[in-house]
Structures are given as C-alpha cells and as structure tokens.
C-alpha atoms as a PDB file:
ATOM      1  CA  MET A   1    -101.343  95.202  68.896  1.00  0.00           C
ATOM      2  CA  SER A   2    -104.232  97.602  69.123  1.00  0.00           C
ATOM      3  CA  THR A   3    -106.144  98.486  72.234  1.00  0.00           C
ATOM      4  CA  LEU A   4    -108.225  95.667  73.651  1.00  0.00           C
ATOM      5  CA  ALA A   5    -111.953  96.036  73.267  1.00  0.00           C
ATOM      6  CA  THR A   6    -114.148  95.627  76.299  1.00  0.00           C
ATOM      7  CA  VAL A   7    -115.911  92.318  76.690  1.00  0.00           C
ATOM      8  CA  PRO A   8    -119.705  92.531  76.557  1.00  0.00           C
ATOM      9  CA  THR A   9    -121.204  91.367  79.835  1.00  0.00           C
ATOM     10  CA  THR A  10    -124.224  89.647  78.355  1.00  0.00           C
ATOM     11  CA  ALA A  11    -123.864  86.280  76.697  1.00  0.00           C
ATOM     12  CA  ALA A  12    -126.406  83.748  75.578  1.00  0.00           C
ATOM     13  CA  PRO A  13    -126.808  80.960  78.169  1.00  0.00           C
ATOM     14  CA  GLU A  14    -125.965  78.318  75.558  1.00  0.00           C
ATOM     15  CA  ALA A  15    -122.716  80.088  74.694  1.00  0.00           C
ATOM     16  CA  PRO A  16    -121.123  81.360  77.917  1.00  0.00           C
ATOM     17  CA  PHE A  17    -117.904  82.357  76.146  1.00  0.00           C
ATOM     18  CA  ALA A  18    -119.468  83.855  73.000  1.00  0.00           C
ATOM     19  CA  SER A  19    -118.303  87.348  73.947  1.00  0.00           C
ATOM     20  CA  PHE A  20    -114.749  86.078  74.461  1.00  0.00           C
ATOM     21  CA  ARG A  21    -114.882  84.239  71.108  1.00  0.00           C
ATOM     22  CA  ALA A  22    -115.913  87.460  69.355  1.00  0.00           C
ATOM     23  CA  LEU A  23    -113.137  89.392  71.097  1.00  0.00           C
ATOM     24  CA  LEU A  24    -110.547  86.725  70.248  1.00  0.00           C
ATOM     25  CA  GLU A  25    -111.611  86.669  66.600  1.00  0.00           C
ATOM     26  CA  THR A  26    -111.333  90.465  66.418  1.00  0.00           C
ATOM     27  CA  GLN A  27    -107.909  90.417  68.068  1.00  0.00           C
ATOM     28  CA  ARG A  28    -106.764  87.648  65.715  1.00  0.00           C
ATOM     29  CA  ALA A  29    -107.780  89.613  62.627  1.00  0.00           C
ATOM     30  CA  ASP A  30    -106.000  92.672  64.019  1.00  0.00           C
ATOM     31  CA  CYS A  31    -102.805  90.677  64.691  1.00  0.00           C
ATOM     32  CA  VAL A  32    -102.867  89.125  61.218  1.00  0.00           C
ATOM     33  CA  GLY A  33    -103.160  92.572  59.649  1.00  0.00           C
ATOM     34  CA  GLN A  34    -100.311  93.959  61.743  1.00  0.00           C
ATOM     35  CA  ARG A  35     -98.139  90.910  61.023  1.00  0.00           C
ATOM     36  CA  ASP A  36     -98.759  91.288  57.298  1.00  0.00           C
ATOM     37  CA  LEU A  37     -97.716  94.945  57.496  1.00  0.00           C
ATOM     38  CA  ALA A  38     -94.532  94.041  59.373  1.00  0.00           C
ATOM     39  CA  LEU A  39     -93.699  91.369  56.790  1.00  0.00           C
ATOM     40  CA  ALA A  40     -94.415  93.786  53.941  1.00  0.00           C
ATOM     41  CA  GLU A  41     -91.895  96.214  55.430  1.00  0.00           C
ATOM     42  CA  THR A  42     -89.189  93.561  55.281  1.00  0.00           C
ATOM     43  CA  ALA A  43     -90.069  92.533  51.716  1.00  0.00           C
ATOM     44  CA  THR A  44     -89.476  95.986  50.242  1.00  0.00           C
ATOM     45  CA  SER A  45     -86.105  96.708  51.815  1.00  0.00           C
ATOM     46  CA  LEU A  46     -83.184  95.115  53.568  1.00  0.00           C
ATOM     47  CA  PRO A  47     -84.273  92.756  56.322  1.00  0.00           C
ATOM     48  CA  ASP A  48     -85.381  94.880  59.264  1.00  0.00           C
ATOM     49  CA  PRO A  49     -84.684  93.042  62.540  1.00  0.00           C
ATOM     50  CA  VAL A  50     -87.288  95.099  64.410  1.00  0.00           C
ATOM     51  CA  ALA A  51     -90.012  94.312  61.856  1.00  0.00           C
ATOM     52  CA  MET A  52     -88.990  90.637  61.815  1.00  0.00           C
ATOM     53  CA  SER A  53     -89.131  90.480  65.611  1.00  0.00           C
ATOM     54  CA  ARG A  54     -92.535  92.181  65.583  1.00  0.00           C
ATOM     55  CA  ALA A  55     -93.836  89.719  62.982  1.00  0.00           C
ATOM     56  CA  ALA A  56     -92.576  86.778  65.074  1.00  0.00           C
ATOM     57  CA  SER A  57     -94.209  88.193  68.208  1.00  0.00           C
ATOM     58  CA  LEU A  58     -97.502  88.671  66.376  1.00  0.00           C
ATOM     59  CA  LEU A  59     -97.308  85.106  65.051  1.00  0.00           C
ATOM     60  CA  ARG A  60     -96.926  83.805  68.627  1.00  0.00           C
ATOM     61  CA  THR A  61     -99.955  85.853  69.694  1.00  0.00           C
ATOM     62  CA  ILE A  62    -101.983  84.503  66.748  1.00  0.00           C
ATOM     63  CA  GLU A  63    -101.035  80.959  67.808  1.00  0.00           C
ATOM     64  CA  GLU A  64    -102.130  81.697  71.398  1.00  0.00           C
ATOM     65  CA  ILE A  65    -105.441  83.091  70.132  1.00  0.00           C
ATOM     66  CA  ASP A  66    -105.969  80.018  67.919  1.00  0.00           C
ATOM     67  CA  ALA A  67    -105.312  77.781  70.935  1.00  0.00           C
ATOM     68  CA  ALA A  68    -107.832  79.772  73.005  1.00  0.00           C
ATOM     69  CA  LEU A  69    -110.447  79.410  70.254  1.00  0.00           C
ATOM     70  CA  ALA A  70    -109.746  75.662  70.199  1.00  0.00           C
ATOM     71  CA  ARG A  71    -110.244  75.540  73.996  1.00  0.00           C
ATOM     72  CA  ILE A  72    -113.602  77.275  73.580  1.00  0.00           C
ATOM     73  CA  ASP A  73    -114.606  74.640  71.005  1.00  0.00           C
ATOM     74  CA  ALA A  74    -113.372  71.846  73.290  1.00  0.00           C
ATOM     75  CA  GLY A  75    -115.209  73.253  76.308  1.00  0.00           C
ATOM     76  CA  SER A  76    -112.047  73.796  78.358  1.00  0.00           C
ATOM     77  CA  TYR A  77    -111.737  77.568  77.933  1.00  0.00           C
ATOM     78  CA  GLY A  78    -111.350  79.366  81.247  1.00  0.00           C
ATOM     79  CA  THR A  79    -109.602  76.413  82.875  1.00  0.00           C
ATOM     80  CA  CYS A  80    -105.856  76.488  83.570  1.00  0.00           C
ATOM     81  CA  VAL A  81    -104.056  74.025  81.284  1.00  0.00           C
ATOM     82  CA  HIS A  82    -101.538  73.270  84.057  1.00  0.00           C
ATOM     83  CA  CYS A  83    -103.480  72.897  87.313  1.00  0.00           C
ATOM     84  CA  GLY A  84    -107.064  72.607  86.072  1.00  0.00           C
ATOM     85  CA  ASN A  85    -108.352  75.446  88.263  1.00  0.00           C
ATOM     86  CA  ALA A  86    -110.646  78.117  86.867  1.00  0.00           C
ATOM     87  CA  ILE A  87    -108.931  81.168  85.402  1.00  0.00           C
ATOM     88  CA  PRO A  88    -110.532  84.262  86.972  1.00  0.00           C
ATOM     89  CA  THR A  89    -112.802  86.194  84.624  1.00  0.00           C
ATOM     90  CA  GLU A  90    -110.785  89.335  85.335  1.00  0.00           C
ATOM     91  CA  ARG A  91    -107.674  87.638  83.891  1.00  0.00           C
ATOM     92  CA  LEU A  92    -109.601  86.503  80.812  1.00  0.00           C
ATOM     93  CA  GLU A  93    -110.943  90.019  80.331  1.00  0.00           C
ATOM     94  CA  PHE A  94    -107.395  91.395  80.479  1.00  0.00           C
ATOM     95  CA  ARG A  95    -105.813  88.588  78.409  1.00  0.00           C
ATOM     96  CA  PRO A  96    -108.559  86.562  76.691  1.00  0.00           C
ATOM     97  CA  PHE A  97    -106.085  84.063  75.261  1.00  0.00           C
ATOM     98  CA  ALA A  98    -104.587  83.225  78.672  1.00  0.00           C
ATOM     99  CA  ALA A  99    -104.097  79.482  79.014  1.00  0.00           C
ATOM    100  CA  ALA A 100    -102.926  79.488  82.616  1.00  0.00           C
ATOM    101  CA  CYS A 101    -103.942  80.991  85.916  1.00  0.00           C
ATOM    102  CA  VAL A 102    -101.662  83.668  87.363  1.00  0.00           C
ATOM    103  CA  THR A 103    -100.077  81.263  89.853  1.00  0.00           C
ATOM    104  CA  CYS A 104     -99.097  78.723  87.194  1.00  0.00           C
ATOM    105  CA  GLN A 105     -97.965  81.448  84.790  1.00  0.00           C
ATOM    106  CA  GLN A 106     -95.674  82.927  87.455  1.00  0.00           C
ATOM    107  CA  MET A 107     -94.179  79.505  88.161  1.00  0.00           C
ATOM    108  CA  ARG A 108     -93.239  79.083  84.492  1.00  0.00           C
END
C-alpha cells in the first residue's frame, strides 16, 4: 500500500470525520488499483503465491476500509467496536480504518 496521506486538521462542523472519509476513500482506491495489478500478474503466468497473498491482503484492507466508511455513515466511527470507548485521534490518523482501541486490539 502506498504512503498514507496526512489528515487535514480542519473539518466542517457538520461532518467531523469528513477528512477521514476522504482519506479512507483515497486509500481504498489505491488498494483496489494495487489488488488489480497483483491479480493481473497471476492471470498472465503461472499462479504466483506472493501475488495471490498480496491480493488477499489488499482485499482484507479494502473490507476494513469499507467497514470504516460504514461506521462513519452510521455515526459510530471513532468508537471501539469491542468496548465502546473512543479510539484516540492519533490511532485513527495512523490507521484510519481501525475498528478497535489499542487495548482491545492487543487483547485479540
């Protein structure tokens, strides 16, 4: 996956996670493009286990991003899906599709 873009610090009051939505949508498009390239590599030659593994990893990331976008739409983005506590902004800036706080993630 490409380098993460920085999250703009200004967001409209009516859309507190608009900057995260934009970042997630950009990351999703990037992952889809990379996944398509990995799949194209396997279509033109013998199955490449590295390319297949990369495509599977990218698919999981796309699914995590889609889930984060759904949480934004549902109004639960930024809240840990396990304990219900707020996910620190620093964690969301580092991993915008994080569904869990660090404590819950470490326990899993």
